[in-house]
Amino acid sequence: MNKRDLVNALNVLSDIELVEVLSDVLPNREPYKTESLVNRSNMFLGIYSKTDEEEFVEAIAYPDGEIEPDWGFCQNGNSEIENIEYTSNSKNCISPFNGEKVYLT
């Protein structure tokens, strides 16, 4: 499979299917692992939103267990990082930052 085939395959996935696939890949990426001043780094998925009043970023928490029906990113919760909240379609999730279980409402 070449890059174009991979891009095409990813583009036909639903948002939730894409999260499911990339949640198996991104946590294993350590972009700054050779930087001596960085203790930990990993890639994660997020959603940038802008309204008339504000701009914000939400980190997509990875589903922990069975994928729930695709009702969109309707579950939310606070993360351990200031001004960043989690979002997901699942209530039981894994933090993209530290791999710990989180519960969203």
C-alpha atoms as a PDB file:
ATOM      1  CA  MET A   1       0.000   0.000   0.000  1.00  0.00           C
ATOM      2  CA  ASN A   2       1.423   3.363  -0.945  1.00  0.00           C
ATOM      3  CA  LYS A   3       0.808   6.676   0.820  1.00  0.00           C
ATOM      4  CA  ARG A   4      -2.042   7.700  -1.506  1.00  0.00           C
ATOM      5  CA  ASP A   5      -3.840   4.382  -0.904  1.00  0.00           C
ATOM      6  CA  LEU A   6      -3.465   4.836   2.851  1.00  0.00           C
ATOM      7  CA  VAL A   7      -4.792   8.415   2.718  1.00  0.00           C
ATOM      8  CA  ASN A   8      -7.756   7.293   0.626  1.00  0.00           C
ATOM      9  CA  ALA A   9      -8.509   4.438   3.033  1.00  0.00           C
ATOM     10  CA  LEU A  10      -8.375   6.770   6.055  1.00  0.00           C
ATOM     11  CA  ASN A  11     -10.562   9.391   4.366  1.00  0.00           C
ATOM     12  CA  VAL A  12     -13.485   6.980   3.963  1.00  0.00           C
ATOM     13  CA  LEU A  13     -13.563   6.100   7.674  1.00  0.00           C
ATOM     14  CA  SER A  14     -16.066   7.756   9.990  1.00  0.00           C
ATOM     15  CA  ASP A  15     -14.608  10.055  12.651  1.00  0.00           C
ATOM     16  CA  ILE A  16     -15.014   7.369  15.313  1.00  0.00           C
ATOM     17  CA  GLU A  17     -13.408   4.678  13.125  1.00  0.00           C
ATOM     18  CA  LEU A  18     -10.504   7.040  12.439  1.00  0.00           C
ATOM     19  CA  VAL A  19     -10.039   7.613  16.182  1.00  0.00           C
ATOM     20  CA  GLU A  20     -10.082   3.858  16.748  1.00  0.00           C
ATOM     21  CA  VAL A  21      -7.350   3.293  14.154  1.00  0.00           C
ATOM     22  CA  LEU A  22      -5.116   6.207  15.120  1.00  0.00           C
ATOM     23  CA  SER A  23      -5.427   5.503  18.851  1.00  0.00           C
ATOM     24  CA  ASP A  24      -3.392   2.356  18.172  1.00  0.00           C
ATOM     25  CA  VAL A  25      -0.650   4.362  16.453  1.00  0.00           C
ATOM     26  CA  LEU A  26      -0.243   7.861  17.894  1.00  0.00           C
ATOM     27  CA  PRO A  27       0.459   6.985  21.557  1.00  0.00           C
ATOM     28  CA  ASN A  28       3.484   4.998  20.377  1.00  0.00           C
ATOM     29  CA  ARG A  29       5.016   8.019  18.646  1.00  0.00           C
ATOM     30  CA  GLU A  30       7.541   9.974  20.712  1.00  0.00           C
ATOM     31  CA  PRO A  31       8.486  13.028  18.631  1.00  0.00           C
ATOM     32  CA  TYR A  32      10.921  14.452  21.206  1.00  0.00           C
ATOM     33  CA  LYS A  33      12.438  11.254  22.585  1.00  0.00           C
ATOM     34  CA  THR A  34      15.961  12.409  21.739  1.00  0.00           C
ATOM     35  CA  GLU A  35      15.548  15.785  23.479  1.00  0.00           C
ATOM     36  CA  SER A  36      17.311  15.658  26.839  1.00  0.00           C
ATOM     37  CA  LEU A  37      15.055  18.281  28.449  1.00  0.00           C
ATOM     38  CA  VAL A  38      11.812  16.504  27.527  1.00  0.00           C
ATOM     39  CA  ASN A  39      10.721  13.753  29.913  1.00  0.00           C
ATOM     40  CA  ARG A  40       7.866  12.490  27.787  1.00  0.00           C
ATOM     41  CA  SER A  41       6.192  13.258  24.484  1.00  0.00           C
ATOM     42  CA  ASN A  42       3.572  11.576  22.358  1.00  0.00           C
ATOM     43  CA  MET A  43       1.246  12.494  19.550  1.00  0.00           C
ATOM     44  CA  PHE A  44      -2.503  12.723  20.079  1.00  0.00           C
ATOM     45  CA  LEU A  45      -5.712  13.621  18.260  1.00  0.00           C
ATOM     46  CA  GLY A  46      -7.548  16.820  18.980  1.00  0.00           C
ATOM     47  CA  ILE A  47     -10.381  19.006  17.789  1.00  0.00           C
ATOM     48  CA  TYR A  48      -9.952  22.742  17.269  1.00  0.00           C
ATOM     49  CA  SER A  49     -13.174  24.776  17.474  1.00  0.00           C
ATOM     50  CA  LYS A  50     -13.960  28.450  17.065  1.00  0.00           C
ATOM     51  CA  THR A  51     -17.166  30.223  17.981  1.00  0.00           C
ATOM     52  CA  ASP A  52     -18.020  33.915  17.880  1.00  0.00           C
ATOM     53  CA  GLU A  53     -16.842  34.186  21.487  1.00  0.00           C
ATOM     54  CA  GLU A  54     -13.900  31.800  21.830  1.00  0.00           C
ATOM     55  CA  GLU A  55     -11.424  29.325  20.389  1.00  0.00           C
ATOM     56  CA  PHE A  56     -10.580  26.056  22.102  1.00  0.00           C
ATOM     57  CA  VAL A  57      -8.886  22.692  21.677  1.00  0.00           C
ATOM     58  CA  GLU A  58     -10.200  19.400  23.005  1.00  0.00           C
ATOM     59  CA  ALA A  59      -8.076  16.261  23.231  1.00  0.00           C
ATOM     60  CA  ILE A  60      -9.815  13.166  21.936  1.00  0.00           C
ATOM     61  CA  ALA A  61      -9.749  10.489  24.630  1.00  0.00           C
ATOM     62  CA  TYR A  62      -9.395   7.017  23.197  1.00  0.00           C
ATOM     63  CA  PRO A  63     -12.227   4.522  23.781  1.00  0.00           C
ATOM     64  CA  ASP A  64     -11.458   1.898  26.430  1.00  0.00           C
ATOM     65  CA  GLY A  65     -13.164  -1.269  25.339  1.00  0.00           C
ATOM     66  CA  GLU A  66     -16.029  -1.631  22.919  1.00  0.00           C
ATOM     67  CA  ILE A  67     -16.727   1.185  20.545  1.00  0.00           C
ATOM     68  CA  GLU A  68     -20.057   2.756  21.410  1.00  0.00           C
ATOM     69  CA  PRO A  69     -22.627   3.932  18.849  1.00  0.00           C
ATOM     70  CA  ASP A  70     -21.456   6.923  16.851  1.00  0.00           C
ATOM     71  CA  TRP A  71     -23.332   9.801  18.463  1.00  0.00           C
ATOM     72  CA  GLY A  72     -20.422  12.105  17.799  1.00  0.00           C
ATOM     73  CA  PHE A  73     -18.056  13.571  20.332  1.00  0.00           C
ATOM     74  CA  CYS A  74     -20.739  14.087  22.987  1.00  0.00           C
ATOM     75  CA  GLN A  75     -18.853  12.939  26.108  1.00  0.00           C
ATOM     76  CA  ASN A  76     -16.600  15.434  27.843  1.00  0.00           C
ATOM     77  CA  GLY A  77     -14.407  15.769  30.914  1.00  0.00           C
ATOM     78  CA  ASN A  78     -11.510  17.673  32.415  1.00  0.00           C
ATOM     79  CA  SER A  79      -7.970  16.619  31.640  1.00  0.00           C
ATOM     80  CA  GLU A  80      -4.902  16.957  33.795  1.00  0.00           C
ATOM     81  CA  ILE A  81      -3.626  19.726  31.501  1.00  0.00           C
ATOM     82  CA  GLU A  82      -4.938  23.216  32.225  1.00  0.00           C
ATOM     83  CA  ASN A  83      -7.417  24.567  29.659  1.00  0.00           C
ATOM     84  CA  ILE A  84      -7.608  21.255  27.778  1.00  0.00           C
ATOM     85  CA  GLU A  85     -10.706  19.079  28.067  1.00  0.00           C
ATOM     86  CA  TYR A  86     -11.269  15.572  26.830  1.00  0.00           C
ATOM     87  CA  THR A  87     -13.935  14.656  24.310  1.00  0.00           C
ATOM     88  CA  SER A  88     -15.022  11.273  22.967  1.00  0.00           C
ATOM     89  CA  ASN A  89     -18.046   9.299  21.874  1.00  0.00           C
ATOM     90  CA  SER A  90     -17.388   6.884  24.768  1.00  0.00           C
ATOM     91  CA  LYS A  91     -17.757   7.346  28.507  1.00  0.00           C
ATOM     92  CA  ASN A  92     -14.925   4.961  29.432  1.00  0.00           C
ATOM     93  CA  CYS A  93     -11.722   6.190  27.853  1.00  0.00           C
ATOM     94  CA  ILE A  94      -7.955   6.269  27.971  1.00  0.00           C
ATOM     95  CA  SER A  95      -6.100   9.568  28.322  1.00  0.00           C
ATOM     96  CA  PRO A  96      -4.023  10.327  25.226  1.00  0.00           C
ATOM     97  CA  PHE A  97      -1.510  12.072  27.508  1.00  0.00           C
ATOM     98  CA  ASN A  98      -0.652   9.453  30.111  1.00  0.00           C
ATOM     99  CA  GLY A  99      -2.558   6.275  29.212  1.00  0.00           C
ATOM    100  CA  GLU A 100      -4.657   6.346  32.398  1.00  0.00           C
ATOM    101  CA  LYS A 101      -8.350   5.509  32.430  1.00  0.00           C
ATOM    102  CA  VAL A 102     -10.730   8.483  32.409  1.00  0.00           C
ATOM    103  CA  TYR A 103     -14.506   8.634  32.702  1.00  0.00           C
ATOM    104  CA  LEU A 104     -16.397  11.212  30.674  1.00  0.00           C
ATOM    105  CA  THR A 105     -19.976  12.455  31.069  1.00  0.00           C
END
